[in-house]
Amino acid sequence: MPSTFRIPKAPITGLYGWVLKIYARRAFGEIPDTAYALFHHRKVLKAVLGFEGKVSKWDALDPTLKSYAQLASAGVIGCSWCLDFGYFMAHNDGLDLAKVREVPRWRESDVFTPLEREVLAYAEAMSTTPLTVTDEMTASLLDQLGA
């Protein structure tokens, strides 16, 4: 897919650039466009990578539910890269890819449990502007999953 870059790509050079390229290829299979943008400002790049590293270690939510929520959100905001990357991560995490492929059409699909459907609905509601999350949605998920 061609890049829709609106700023010049920063050349990724030097020792830090070499490490970034190795990390990106291992984590994502290629160097994402955001790396070229972030390389313009190394402090921001380091902050983003640090935050992503910390977020990736969060484990309070079942990884399958987290993956479904991320994919549902990506579908709502229309981020094709996010959908592709979410599928890539689901594959790497060993999730049921046949089920993952059903996320964009979860309402019509019969493969999801009631809890998975609630998570998908909540993720979509959290991804709209303005938010469409209801107190009932939140209460139900809190009852089932905890805070």
N, C-alpha and C. Protein backbone atom coordinates (compact mmCIF):
# COMPACT_ATOMS: atom_id res chain seq x y z
N MET A 1 0.85 -1.17 0.00
CA MET A 1 0.00 0.00 0.00
C MET A 1 0.89 1.23 0.00
N PRO A 2 0.64 2.17 -0.87
CA PRO A 2 1.49 3.36 -0.92
C PRO A 2 1.32 4.21 0.34
N SER A 3 2.38 4.88 0.71
CA SER A 3 2.37 5.73 1.89
C SER A 3 1.55 6.98 1.63
N THR A 4 0.90 7.46 2.67
CA THR A 4 0.17 8.72 2.60
C THR A 4 0.88 9.76 3.45
N PHE A 5 2.19 9.67 3.46
CA PHE A 5 3.02 10.54 4.27
C PHE A 5 2.86 11.99 3.86
N ARG A 6 2.71 12.88 4.84
CA ARG A 6 2.53 14.29 4.54
C ARG A 6 3.73 15.13 4.94
N ILE A 7 4.68 14.54 5.63
CA ILE A 7 5.92 15.23 5.99
C ILE A 7 7.07 14.42 5.43
N PRO A 8 8.22 15.03 5.23
CA PRO A 8 9.35 14.26 4.71
C PRO A 8 9.76 13.17 5.70
N LYS A 9 10.07 12.02 5.16
CA LYS A 9 10.55 10.94 6.01
C LYS A 9 11.94 11.29 6.52
N ALA A 10 12.15 11.13 7.81
CA ALA A 10 13.47 11.36 8.37
C ALA A 10 14.34 10.15 8.03
N PRO A 11 15.57 10.37 7.60
CA PRO A 11 16.45 9.23 7.38
C PRO A 11 16.78 8.58 8.73
N ILE A 12 16.61 7.28 8.79
CA ILE A 12 16.89 6.56 10.03
C ILE A 12 18.34 6.09 9.97
N THR A 13 19.19 6.80 10.71
CA THR A 13 20.63 6.59 10.61
C THR A 13 21.24 6.43 11.99
N GLY A 14 22.51 6.12 11.99
CA GLY A 14 23.28 6.04 13.23
C GLY A 14 22.98 4.77 14.00
N LEU A 15 23.62 4.64 15.16
CA LEU A 15 23.46 3.46 15.99
C LEU A 15 22.02 3.33 16.47
N TYR A 16 21.42 4.44 16.90
CA TYR A 16 20.04 4.39 17.36
C TYR A 16 19.11 3.97 16.21
N GLY A 17 19.38 4.47 15.02
CA GLY A 17 18.59 4.10 13.86
C GLY A 17 18.74 2.63 13.52
N TRP A 18 19.93 2.11 13.65
CA TRP A 18 20.19 0.69 13.38
C TRP A 18 19.39 -0.18 14.36
N VAL A 19 19.40 0.20 15.63
CA VAL A 19 18.65 -0.55 16.65
C VAL A 19 17.15 -0.45 16.37
N LEU A 20 16.69 0.74 16.00
CA LEU A 20 15.28 0.94 15.68
C LEU A 20 14.86 0.05 14.51
N LYS A 21 15.67 -0.01 13.48
CA LYS A 21 15.34 -0.83 12.31
C LYS A 21 15.24 -2.31 12.68
N ILE A 22 16.17 -2.79 13.49
CA ILE A 22 16.12 -4.20 13.92
C ILE A 22 14.86 -4.46 14.73
N TYR A 23 14.58 -3.57 15.69
CA TYR A 23 13.38 -3.71 16.52
C TYR A 23 12.12 -3.71 15.65
N ALA A 24 12.01 -2.75 14.75
CA ALA A 24 10.81 -2.62 13.92
C ALA A 24 10.60 -3.85 13.05
N ARG A 25 11.66 -4.35 12.47
CA ARG A 25 11.52 -5.53 11.60
C ARG A 25 11.12 -6.76 12.40
N ARG A 26 11.65 -6.88 13.61
CA ARG A 26 11.27 -8.03 14.46
C ARG A 26 9.84 -7.89 14.96
N ALA A 27 9.47 -6.69 15.37
CA ALA A 27 8.15 -6.48 15.95
C ALA A 27 7.05 -6.40 14.91
N PHE A 28 7.33 -5.76 13.77
CA PHE A 28 6.27 -5.46 12.80
C PHE A 28 6.50 -6.07 11.43
N GLY A 29 7.66 -6.65 11.19
CA GLY A 29 7.95 -7.22 9.89
C GLY A 29 8.54 -6.21 8.91
N GLU A 30 8.39 -4.95 9.19
CA GLU A 30 8.94 -3.87 8.36
C GLU A 30 9.01 -2.61 9.21
N ILE A 31 9.59 -1.58 8.67
CA ILE A 31 9.66 -0.31 9.39
C ILE A 31 8.39 0.47 9.10
N PRO A 32 7.55 0.71 10.11
CA PRO A 32 6.32 1.45 9.86
C PRO A 32 6.59 2.92 9.57
N ASP A 33 5.69 3.54 8.82
CA ASP A 33 5.85 4.96 8.48
C ASP A 33 6.01 5.84 9.71
N THR A 34 5.34 5.48 10.80
CA THR A 34 5.43 6.31 12.01
C THR A 34 6.86 6.40 12.51
N ALA A 35 7.68 5.38 12.28
CA ALA A 35 9.07 5.42 12.73
C ALA A 35 9.82 6.54 12.01
N TYR A 36 9.54 6.72 10.73
CA TYR A 36 10.19 7.79 9.97
C TYR A 36 9.77 9.17 10.47
N ALA A 37 8.51 9.28 10.87
CA ALA A 37 8.03 10.56 11.40
C ALA A 37 8.62 10.81 12.79
N LEU A 38 8.59 9.79 13.63
CA LEU A 38 9.08 9.94 14.99
C LEU A 38 10.59 10.16 15.04
N PHE A 39 11.31 9.68 14.04
CA PHE A 39 12.76 9.83 14.04
C PHE A 39 13.17 11.30 13.88
N HIS A 40 12.24 12.15 13.48
CA HIS A 40 12.51 13.59 13.44
C HIS A 40 12.76 14.13 14.85
N HIS A 41 12.14 13.49 15.84
CA HIS A 41 12.25 13.96 17.22
C HIS A 41 12.49 12.74 18.12
N ARG A 42 13.73 12.48 18.42
CA ARG A 42 14.11 11.25 19.12
C ARG A 42 13.49 11.13 20.51
N LYS A 43 13.30 12.27 21.21
CA LYS A 43 12.70 12.19 22.54
C LYS A 43 11.26 11.67 22.45
N VAL A 44 10.54 12.11 21.44
CA VAL A 44 9.18 11.62 21.25
C VAL A 44 9.21 10.15 20.88
N LEU A 45 10.12 9.76 19.99
CA LEU A 45 10.27 8.37 19.60
C LEU A 45 10.53 7.49 20.82
N LYS A 46 11.47 7.90 21.66
CA LYS A 46 11.79 7.11 22.85
C LYS A 46 10.59 7.02 23.79
N ALA A 47 9.85 8.11 23.93
CA ALA A 47 8.67 8.10 24.79
C ALA A 47 7.61 7.14 24.25
N VAL A 48 7.37 7.20 22.93
CA VAL A 48 6.37 6.33 22.32
C VAL A 48 6.78 4.86 22.47
N LEU A 49 8.03 4.54 22.17
CA LEU A 49 8.49 3.16 22.29
C LEU A 49 8.42 2.68 23.74
N GLY A 50 8.77 3.56 24.67
CA GLY A 50 8.69 3.20 26.08
C GLY A 50 7.26 2.92 26.51
N PHE A 51 6.35 3.78 26.06
CA PHE A 51 4.94 3.58 26.39
C PHE A 51 4.41 2.29 25.76
N GLU A 52 4.73 2.06 24.48
CA GLU A 52 4.27 0.84 23.81
C GLU A 52 4.82 -0.40 24.51
N GLY A 53 6.07 -0.32 24.95
CA GLY A 53 6.66 -1.45 25.66
C GLY A 53 5.93 -1.75 26.96
N LYS A 54 5.57 -0.72 27.66
CA LYS A 54 4.83 -0.91 28.92
C LYS A 54 3.42 -1.43 28.66
N VAL A 55 2.74 -0.86 27.68
CA VAL A 55 1.38 -1.29 27.37
C VAL A 55 1.37 -2.76 26.94
N SER A 56 2.37 -3.19 26.20
CA SER A 56 2.40 -4.57 25.73
C SER A 56 2.50 -5.57 26.88
N LYS A 57 2.92 -5.11 28.05
CA LYS A 57 3.05 -6.00 29.21
C LYS A 57 1.78 -6.05 30.07
N TRP A 58 0.81 -5.19 29.76
CA TRP A 58 -0.44 -5.23 30.53
C TRP A 58 -1.12 -6.57 30.28
N ASP A 59 -1.53 -7.25 31.35
CA ASP A 59 -2.09 -8.58 31.18
C ASP A 59 -3.37 -8.83 31.98
N ALA A 60 -4.02 -7.75 32.44
CA ALA A 60 -5.23 -7.93 33.23
C ALA A 60 -6.39 -8.45 32.38
N LEU A 61 -6.40 -8.12 31.10
CA LEU A 61 -7.47 -8.55 30.21
C LEU A 61 -7.01 -9.75 29.39
N ASP A 62 -7.88 -10.69 29.22
CA ASP A 62 -7.60 -11.86 28.39
C ASP A 62 -7.09 -11.39 27.02
N PRO A 63 -5.97 -11.96 26.54
CA PRO A 63 -5.40 -11.51 25.26
C PRO A 63 -6.36 -11.62 24.08
N THR A 64 -7.23 -12.61 24.10
CA THR A 64 -8.18 -12.77 23.01
C THR A 64 -9.18 -11.61 23.01
N LEU A 65 -9.71 -11.27 24.20
CA LEU A 65 -10.64 -10.16 24.29
C LEU A 65 -9.96 -8.86 23.89
N LYS A 66 -8.71 -8.69 24.32
CA LYS A 66 -7.97 -7.47 23.97
C LYS A 66 -7.80 -7.37 22.45
N SER A 67 -7.47 -8.47 21.82
CA SER A 67 -7.29 -8.48 20.37
C SER A 67 -8.59 -8.13 19.66
N TYR A 68 -9.69 -8.73 20.09
CA TYR A 68 -10.99 -8.44 19.47
C TYR A 68 -11.34 -6.96 19.63
N ALA A 69 -11.09 -6.42 20.82
CA ALA A 69 -11.41 -5.01 21.08
C ALA A 69 -10.58 -4.10 20.18
N GLN A 70 -9.30 -4.40 20.05
CA GLN A 70 -8.43 -3.57 19.20
C GLN A 70 -8.89 -3.61 17.75
N LEU A 71 -9.24 -4.79 17.27
CA LEU A 71 -9.68 -4.92 15.88
C LEU A 71 -11.03 -4.22 15.65
N ALA A 72 -11.94 -4.34 16.61
CA ALA A 72 -13.23 -3.67 16.47
C ALA A 72 -13.05 -2.16 16.43
N SER A 73 -12.18 -1.66 17.29
CA SER A 73 -11.91 -0.22 17.31
C SER A 73 -11.28 0.23 16.00
N ALA A 74 -10.34 -0.55 15.49
CA ALA A 74 -9.69 -0.22 14.22
C ALA A 74 -10.71 -0.16 13.09
N GLY A 75 -11.68 -1.06 13.12
CA GLY A 75 -12.72 -1.05 12.10
C GLY A 75 -13.58 0.20 12.15
N VAL A 76 -13.90 0.63 13.36
CA VAL A 76 -14.74 1.83 13.52
C VAL A 76 -14.02 3.08 13.02
N ILE A 77 -12.74 3.20 13.35
CA ILE A 77 -12.02 4.40 12.94
C ILE A 77 -11.51 4.32 11.50
N GLY A 78 -11.65 3.14 10.89
CA GLY A 78 -11.28 2.99 9.48
C GLY A 78 -9.79 2.91 9.23
N CYS A 79 -9.06 2.34 10.17
CA CYS A 79 -7.60 2.23 10.03
C CYS A 79 -7.24 0.86 9.45
N SER A 80 -7.03 0.81 8.15
CA SER A 80 -6.71 -0.47 7.52
C SER A 80 -5.37 -1.02 8.01
N TRP A 81 -4.40 -0.13 8.27
CA TRP A 81 -3.12 -0.60 8.81
C TRP A 81 -3.34 -1.23 10.18
N CYS A 82 -4.18 -0.62 11.01
CA CYS A 82 -4.45 -1.16 12.35
C CYS A 82 -5.10 -2.54 12.26
N LEU A 83 -6.01 -2.71 11.30
CA LEU A 83 -6.63 -4.03 11.11
C LEU A 83 -5.59 -5.05 10.67
N ASP A 84 -4.75 -4.68 9.72
CA ASP A 84 -3.70 -5.59 9.26
C ASP A 84 -2.74 -5.94 10.39
N PHE A 85 -2.33 -4.92 11.13
CA PHE A 85 -1.39 -5.16 12.22
C PHE A 85 -2.04 -5.98 13.34
N GLY A 86 -3.31 -5.70 13.63
CA GLY A 86 -4.02 -6.49 14.64
C GLY A 86 -4.10 -7.95 14.24
N TYR A 87 -4.34 -8.21 12.97
CA TYR A 87 -4.37 -9.59 12.48
C TYR A 87 -2.99 -10.22 12.61
N PHE A 88 -1.95 -9.47 12.25
CA PHE A 88 -0.57 -9.93 12.37
C PHE A 88 -0.26 -10.31 13.82
N MET A 89 -0.66 -9.43 14.76
CA MET A 89 -0.40 -9.70 16.17
C MET A 89 -1.21 -10.90 16.66
N ALA A 90 -2.46 -11.02 16.22
CA ALA A 90 -3.28 -12.17 16.60
C ALA A 90 -2.63 -13.46 16.11
N HIS A 91 -2.10 -13.43 14.90
CA HIS A 91 -1.39 -14.58 14.35
C HIS A 91 -0.18 -14.92 15.21
N ASN A 92 0.62 -13.91 15.55
CA ASN A 92 1.81 -14.13 16.38
C ASN A 92 1.45 -14.63 17.78
N ASP A 93 0.29 -14.21 18.28
CA ASP A 93 -0.14 -14.63 19.61
C ASP A 93 -0.84 -15.98 19.61
N GLY A 94 -0.98 -16.58 18.42
CA GLY A 94 -1.58 -17.91 18.32
C GLY A 94 -3.09 -17.95 18.49
N LEU A 95 -3.76 -16.83 18.21
CA LEU A 95 -5.21 -16.80 18.35
C LEU A 95 -5.88 -17.51 17.17
N ASP A 96 -7.14 -17.86 17.34
CA ASP A 96 -7.92 -18.50 16.30
C ASP A 96 -8.19 -17.50 15.19
N LEU A 97 -7.45 -17.62 14.09
CA LEU A 97 -7.53 -16.63 13.02
C LEU A 97 -8.86 -16.66 12.28
N ALA A 98 -9.50 -17.82 12.23
CA ALA A 98 -10.82 -17.88 11.60
C ALA A 98 -11.80 -17.01 12.38
N LYS A 99 -11.67 -17.01 13.69
CA LYS A 99 -12.54 -16.19 14.52
C LYS A 99 -12.14 -14.72 14.44
N VAL A 100 -10.85 -14.45 14.40
CA VAL A 100 -10.35 -13.08 14.29
C VAL A 100 -10.88 -12.43 13.01
N ARG A 101 -10.92 -13.20 11.93
CA ARG A 101 -11.43 -12.67 10.66
C ARG A 101 -12.90 -12.28 10.74
N GLU A 102 -13.61 -12.81 11.70
CA GLU A 102 -15.04 -12.50 11.85
C GLU A 102 -15.30 -11.20 12.61
N VAL A 103 -14.26 -10.61 13.22
CA VAL A 103 -14.47 -9.42 14.03
C VAL A 103 -15.16 -8.29 13.27
N PRO A 104 -14.78 -7.97 12.04
CA PRO A 104 -15.46 -6.86 11.35
C PRO A 104 -16.96 -7.09 11.15
N ARG A 105 -17.38 -8.34 11.16
CA ARG A 105 -18.81 -8.64 10.99
C ARG A 105 -19.36 -9.41 12.19
N TRP A 106 -18.91 -9.01 13.37
CA TRP A 106 -19.24 -9.74 14.59
C TRP A 106 -20.75 -9.79 14.87
N ARG A 107 -21.48 -8.79 14.46
CA ARG A 107 -22.92 -8.78 14.74
C ARG A 107 -23.65 -9.90 13.98
N GLU A 108 -23.18 -10.21 12.79
CA GLU A 108 -23.82 -11.24 11.98
C GLU A 108 -23.25 -12.63 12.24
N SER A 109 -22.07 -12.70 12.83
CA SER A 109 -21.38 -13.96 13.03
C SER A 109 -21.91 -14.69 14.27
N ASP A 110 -21.86 -16.01 14.22
CA ASP A 110 -22.33 -16.79 15.36
C ASP A 110 -21.17 -17.43 16.14
N VAL A 111 -19.95 -16.95 15.93
CA VAL A 111 -18.79 -17.57 16.57
C VAL A 111 -18.41 -16.94 17.91
N PHE A 112 -19.02 -15.82 18.28
CA PHE A 112 -18.62 -15.11 19.48
C PHE A 112 -19.53 -15.41 20.67
N THR A 113 -18.93 -15.49 21.83
CA THR A 113 -19.67 -15.70 23.07
C THR A 113 -20.37 -14.39 23.45
N PRO A 114 -21.32 -14.46 24.37
CA PRO A 114 -21.97 -13.22 24.83
C PRO A 114 -20.96 -12.20 25.40
N LEU A 115 -19.99 -12.66 26.17
CA LEU A 115 -18.99 -11.74 26.72
C LEU A 115 -18.17 -11.11 25.59
N GLU A 116 -17.75 -11.90 24.62
CA GLU A 116 -16.98 -11.35 23.50
C GLU A 116 -17.81 -10.30 22.75
N ARG A 117 -19.09 -10.54 22.58
CA ARG A 117 -19.96 -9.58 21.91
C ARG A 117 -20.04 -8.28 22.70
N GLU A 118 -20.11 -8.39 24.02
CA GLU A 118 -20.16 -7.18 24.85
C GLU A 118 -18.86 -6.39 24.73
N VAL A 119 -17.73 -7.09 24.71
CA VAL A 119 -16.43 -6.42 24.56
C VAL A 119 -16.35 -5.74 23.20
N LEU A 120 -16.80 -6.40 22.16
CA LEU A 120 -16.78 -5.82 20.82
C LEU A 120 -17.68 -4.58 20.75
N ALA A 121 -18.85 -4.66 21.33
CA ALA A 121 -19.77 -3.51 21.33
C ALA A 121 -19.17 -2.35 22.12
N TYR A 122 -18.56 -2.66 23.25
CA TYR A 122 -17.95 -1.62 24.09
C TYR A 122 -16.79 -0.95 23.35
N ALA A 123 -15.94 -1.76 22.70
CA ALA A 123 -14.80 -1.21 21.96
C ALA A 123 -15.28 -0.28 20.85
N GLU A 124 -16.31 -0.68 20.15
CA GLU A 124 -16.85 0.18 19.10
C GLU A 124 -17.41 1.47 19.69
N ALA A 125 -18.15 1.35 20.79
CA ALA A 125 -18.75 2.53 21.42
C ALA A 125 -17.69 3.49 21.95
N MET A 126 -16.56 2.96 22.40
CA MET A 126 -15.46 3.80 22.88
C MET A 126 -14.70 4.47 21.75
N SER A 127 -14.95 4.02 20.53
CA SER A 127 -14.18 4.52 19.38
C SER A 127 -14.96 5.51 18.53
N THR A 128 -16.13 5.88 18.96
CA THR A 128 -16.93 6.84 18.21
C THR A 128 -16.80 8.24 18.83
N THR A 129 -17.08 9.23 18.02
CA THR A 129 -17.10 10.61 18.51
C THR A 129 -18.46 11.19 18.17
N PRO A 130 -19.23 11.57 19.17
CA PRO A 130 -18.98 11.42 20.60
C PRO A 130 -19.12 9.96 21.02
N LEU A 131 -18.58 9.65 22.20
CA LEU A 131 -18.66 8.29 22.72
C LEU A 131 -20.11 7.85 22.86
N THR A 132 -20.36 6.56 22.60
CA THR A 132 -21.72 6.03 22.72
C THR A 132 -21.81 4.94 23.78
N VAL A 133 -20.84 4.91 24.69
CA VAL A 133 -20.84 3.94 25.78
C VAL A 133 -21.96 4.29 26.75
N THR A 134 -22.68 3.25 27.18
CA THR A 134 -23.75 3.47 28.15
C THR A 134 -23.31 2.97 29.53
N ASP A 135 -24.00 3.44 30.55
CA ASP A 135 -23.72 2.97 31.90
C ASP A 135 -23.97 1.47 32.01
N GLU A 136 -24.95 0.98 31.29
CA GLU A 136 -25.27 -0.45 31.32
C GLU A 136 -24.13 -1.29 30.73
N MET A 137 -23.54 -0.81 29.64
CA MET A 137 -22.41 -1.52 29.04
C MET A 137 -21.26 -1.62 30.03
N THR A 138 -20.95 -0.49 30.64
CA THR A 138 -19.84 -0.44 31.59
C THR A 138 -20.12 -1.34 32.79
N ALA A 139 -21.32 -1.26 33.34
CA ALA A 139 -21.67 -2.05 34.53
C ALA A 139 -21.58 -3.54 34.23
N SER A 140 -22.07 -3.94 33.08
CA SER A 140 -22.04 -5.36 32.72
C SER A 140 -20.61 -5.88 32.61
N LEU A 141 -19.74 -5.13 31.94
CA LEU A 141 -18.36 -5.56 31.81
C LEU A 141 -17.63 -5.53 33.15
N LEU A 142 -17.92 -4.55 33.97
CA LEU A 142 -17.31 -4.51 35.31
C LEU A 142 -17.73 -5.73 36.13
N ASP A 143 -18.99 -6.13 36.03
CA ASP A 143 -19.47 -7.31 36.74
C ASP A 143 -18.75 -8.58 36.27
N GLN A 144 -18.52 -8.67 34.96
CA GLN A 144 -17.93 -9.89 34.40
C GLN A 144 -16.42 -9.93 34.46
N LEU A 145 -15.78 -8.76 34.29
CA LEU A 145 -14.31 -8.73 34.17
C LEU A 145 -13.63 -8.04 35.34
N GLY A 146 -14.36 -7.27 36.11
CA GLY A 146 -13.77 -6.51 37.19
C GLY A 146 -13.17 -5.21 36.66
N ALA A 147 -12.71 -4.40 37.60
CA ALA A 147 -12.14 -3.11 37.22
C ALA A 147 -10.84 -3.28 36.49
